[in-house]
Amino acid sequence: MSIIGIVLNLLLAGLLGAALVMGWRLNKRLQALRDSHDGFATAVKELNAAAERAEQGLADLRAATDEATDVLADRIEKGRALAAKLERLVDQAPQVPAVRRAPEPLDEEPNQERRLGALLAAAREARAKPERLVRSAPAASARPRPSFEDELFEDAPLTLAQGARR
């Protein structure tokens, strides 16, 4: 072999070594890109799941709003019907002249002291027995309805007694 052949072989070996180093660096960069792509795909999946949960929450909120609107409209309608019924009964009631009474003397202090004493005794008793204040298991419905609402909208027949004031 001649000197030119050896130099060319060394040059070719150097170039192959440089290509090997560049290939190794490029492989590391591609691996980092693949890892970031996987992380991005995971983030997109999590974002998609969060969007689906938000959509479901909005649908639930719409349904609850629609239900509340229906209940409120029904109660308003019942209230108007009861108001109209009461107005009819008041219109049908006999006219009775208003009687003025003389003002009663203000002798309420002993009565107020008794009521205050009873209230304080009840508070002391409640403080002594705190288990009475703890509620039992929650109701089966999502929103418990107070009993006074049920009584308010019951359709019991209304009548006026003789001698009622207008």
Protein backbone atom coordinates (compact mmCIF):
# COMPACT_ATOMS: atom_id res chain seq x y z
CA MET A 1 0.00 0.00 0.00
CA SER A 2 1.05 3.37 -0.76
CA ILE A 3 1.03 6.41 1.45
CA ILE A 4 -1.88 7.89 -0.46
CA GLY A 5 -3.95 4.73 0.17
CA ILE A 6 -3.18 4.79 3.89
CA VAL A 7 -4.07 8.47 4.19
CA LEU A 8 -7.31 7.90 2.32
CA ASN A 9 -8.18 4.94 4.55
CA LEU A 10 -7.47 7.02 7.68
CA LEU A 11 -9.56 9.85 6.29
CA LEU A 12 -12.39 7.43 5.56
CA ALA A 13 -12.13 5.93 9.10
CA GLY A 14 -12.25 9.45 10.59
CA LEU A 15 -15.30 10.32 8.55
CA LEU A 16 -17.00 7.07 9.58
CA GLY A 17 -16.22 7.82 13.26
CA ALA A 18 -17.67 11.33 12.89
CA ALA A 19 -20.80 9.88 11.24
CA LEU A 20 -21.11 7.37 14.10
CA VAL A 21 -20.91 10.16 16.72
CA MET A 22 -23.46 12.29 14.80
CA GLY A 23 -25.79 9.27 14.51
CA TRP A 24 -25.53 8.60 18.23
CA ARG A 25 -26.33 12.30 19.07
CA LEU A 26 -29.24 12.27 16.60
CA ASN A 27 -30.61 9.09 18.21
CA LYS A 28 -30.55 10.78 21.65
CA ARG A 29 -32.44 13.79 20.30
CA LEU A 30 -35.02 11.59 18.59
CA GLN A 31 -35.51 9.61 21.80
CA ALA A 32 -36.13 12.86 23.73
CA LEU A 33 -38.61 13.93 21.04
CA ARG A 34 -40.47 10.60 21.30
CA ASP A 35 -40.61 10.93 25.11
CA SER A 36 -42.00 14.47 24.88
CA HIS A 37 -44.51 13.26 22.29
CA ASP A 38 -45.68 10.56 24.71
CA GLY A 39 -45.98 13.15 27.48
CA PHE A 40 -47.94 15.42 25.15
CA ALA A 41 -50.27 12.55 24.22
CA THR A 42 -50.85 11.84 27.93
CA ALA A 43 -51.59 15.50 28.58
CA VAL A 44 -54.07 15.57 25.67
CA LYS A 45 -55.82 12.47 27.05
CA GLU A 46 -56.09 14.07 30.51
CA LEU A 47 -57.41 17.29 28.97
CA ASN A 48 -59.96 15.32 26.96
CA ALA A 49 -61.14 13.50 30.12
CA ALA A 50 -61.44 16.83 31.97
CA ALA A 51 -63.47 18.28 29.09
CA GLU A 52 -65.81 15.28 29.17
CA ARG A 53 -66.26 15.69 32.94
CA ALA A 54 -67.00 19.40 32.43
CA GLU A 55 -69.56 18.59 29.73
CA GLN A 56 -71.22 16.05 32.01
CA GLY A 57 -71.25 18.56 34.86
CA LEU A 58 -72.87 21.16 32.59
CA ALA A 59 -75.48 18.64 31.46
CA ASP A 60 -76.24 17.78 35.11
CA LEU A 61 -76.45 21.47 35.93
CA ARG A 62 -78.84 22.06 33.03
CA ALA A 63 -81.02 19.17 34.16
CA ALA A 64 -81.08 20.46 37.75
CA THR A 65 -81.90 23.96 36.52
CA ASP A 66 -84.72 22.65 34.35
CA GLU A 67 -86.10 20.64 37.26
CA ALA A 68 -85.88 23.64 39.60
CA THR A 69 -87.59 25.81 36.97
CA ASP A 70 -90.42 23.31 36.63
CA VAL A 71 -90.86 23.04 40.41
CA LEU A 72 -90.76 26.80 40.81
CA ALA A 73 -93.25 27.35 37.97
CA ASP A 74 -95.55 24.76 39.53
CA ARG A 75 -95.35 26.45 42.93
CA ILE A 76 -95.95 29.87 41.41
CA GLU A 77 -98.98 28.51 39.60
CA LYS A 78 -100.30 26.93 42.82
CA GLY A 79 -99.61 30.16 44.71
CA ARG A 80 -101.53 32.20 42.14
CA ALA A 81 -104.42 29.74 42.28
CA LEU A 82 -104.47 29.94 46.08
CA ALA A 83 -104.31 33.74 45.95
CA ALA A 84 -107.23 33.82 43.52
CA LYS A 85 -109.18 31.41 45.73
CA LEU A 86 -108.47 33.53 48.78
CA GLU A 87 -109.51 36.67 46.90
CA ARG A 88 -112.82 34.99 45.95
CA LEU A 89 -113.42 33.95 49.55
CA VAL A 90 -112.64 37.44 50.82
CA ASP A 91 -115.00 38.94 48.24
CA GLN A 92 -117.75 36.52 49.30
CA ALA A 93 -117.30 37.24 53.01
CA PRO A 94 -120.00 39.35 54.67
CA GLN A 95 -119.10 42.95 55.47
CA VAL A 96 -118.46 43.42 59.19
CA PRO A 97 -117.78 46.88 60.62
CA ALA A 98 -114.40 47.22 62.22
CA VAL A 99 -114.46 47.41 66.02
CA ARG A 100 -111.82 49.49 67.70
CA ARG A 101 -110.56 48.33 71.02
CA ALA A 102 -108.93 50.42 73.66
CA PRO A 103 -105.21 49.79 73.96
CA GLU A 104 -104.36 47.35 76.69
CA PRO A 105 -102.04 48.46 79.49
CA LEU A 106 -98.41 47.51 79.11
CA ASP A 107 -98.05 44.86 81.76
CA GLU A 108 -95.70 42.66 79.77
CA GLU A 109 -92.56 42.81 81.89
CA PRO A 110 -93.39 39.83 84.16
CA ASN A 111 -94.58 37.87 81.13
CA GLN A 112 -91.38 38.71 79.23
CA GLU A 113 -89.24 37.71 82.19
CA ARG A 114 -91.01 34.33 82.36
CA ARG A 115 -90.52 33.75 78.63
CA LEU A 116 -86.86 34.73 78.88
CA GLY A 117 -86.37 32.36 81.82
CA ALA A 118 -88.02 29.52 79.90
CA LEU A 119 -85.83 30.25 76.88
CA LEU A 120 -82.66 30.24 78.98
CA ALA A 121 -83.69 26.96 80.65
CA ALA A 122 -84.27 25.37 77.26
CA ALA A 123 -80.86 26.57 76.08
CA ARG A 124 -79.15 25.12 79.17
CA GLU A 125 -80.95 21.82 78.66
CA ALA A 126 -79.90 21.69 75.00
CA ARG A 127 -76.30 22.44 75.97
CA ALA A 128 -76.37 19.65 78.57
CA LYS A 129 -77.64 17.11 76.01
CA PRO A 130 -75.74 17.78 72.75
CA GLU A 131 -76.74 14.42 71.21
CA ARG A 132 -80.24 15.82 70.64
CA LEU A 133 -78.76 18.40 68.29
CA VAL A 134 -77.01 15.86 66.04
CA ARG A 135 -79.01 14.91 62.99
CA SER A 136 -79.58 11.33 62.06
CA ALA A 137 -78.91 9.85 58.60
CA PRO A 138 -79.51 12.26 55.71
CA ALA A 139 -82.70 12.05 53.69
CA ALA A 140 -82.81 9.90 50.56
CA SER A 141 -83.41 12.84 48.22
CA ALA A 142 -80.60 15.10 47.07
CA ARG A 143 -82.29 18.21 48.49
CA PRO A 144 -84.52 17.74 51.54
CA ARG A 145 -87.68 19.79 51.35
CA PRO A 146 -88.92 21.53 54.51
CA SER A 147 -92.29 20.36 55.67
CA PHE A 148 -93.75 23.87 55.74
CA GLU A 149 -93.46 23.99 51.94
CA ASP A 150 -95.65 20.93 51.63
CA GLU A 151 -98.23 22.39 53.96
CA LEU A 152 -98.15 25.71 52.13
CA PHE A 153 -99.26 24.25 48.83
CA GLU A 154 -101.81 21.69 49.98
CA ASP A 155 -105.23 22.37 48.52
CA ALA A 156 -107.41 22.19 51.61
CA PRO A 157 -110.88 23.77 51.25
CA LEU A 158 -110.99 27.30 52.63
CA THR A 159 -114.11 28.67 54.28
CA LEU A 160 -114.83 31.85 56.17
CA ALA A 161 -116.64 31.74 59.47
CA GLN A 162 -119.50 34.13 60.14
CA GLY A 163 -118.35 37.39 61.65
CA ALA A 164 -114.92 37.32 60.05
CA ARG A 165 -113.32 40.65 59.26
CA ARG A 166 -112.47 41.65 55.76
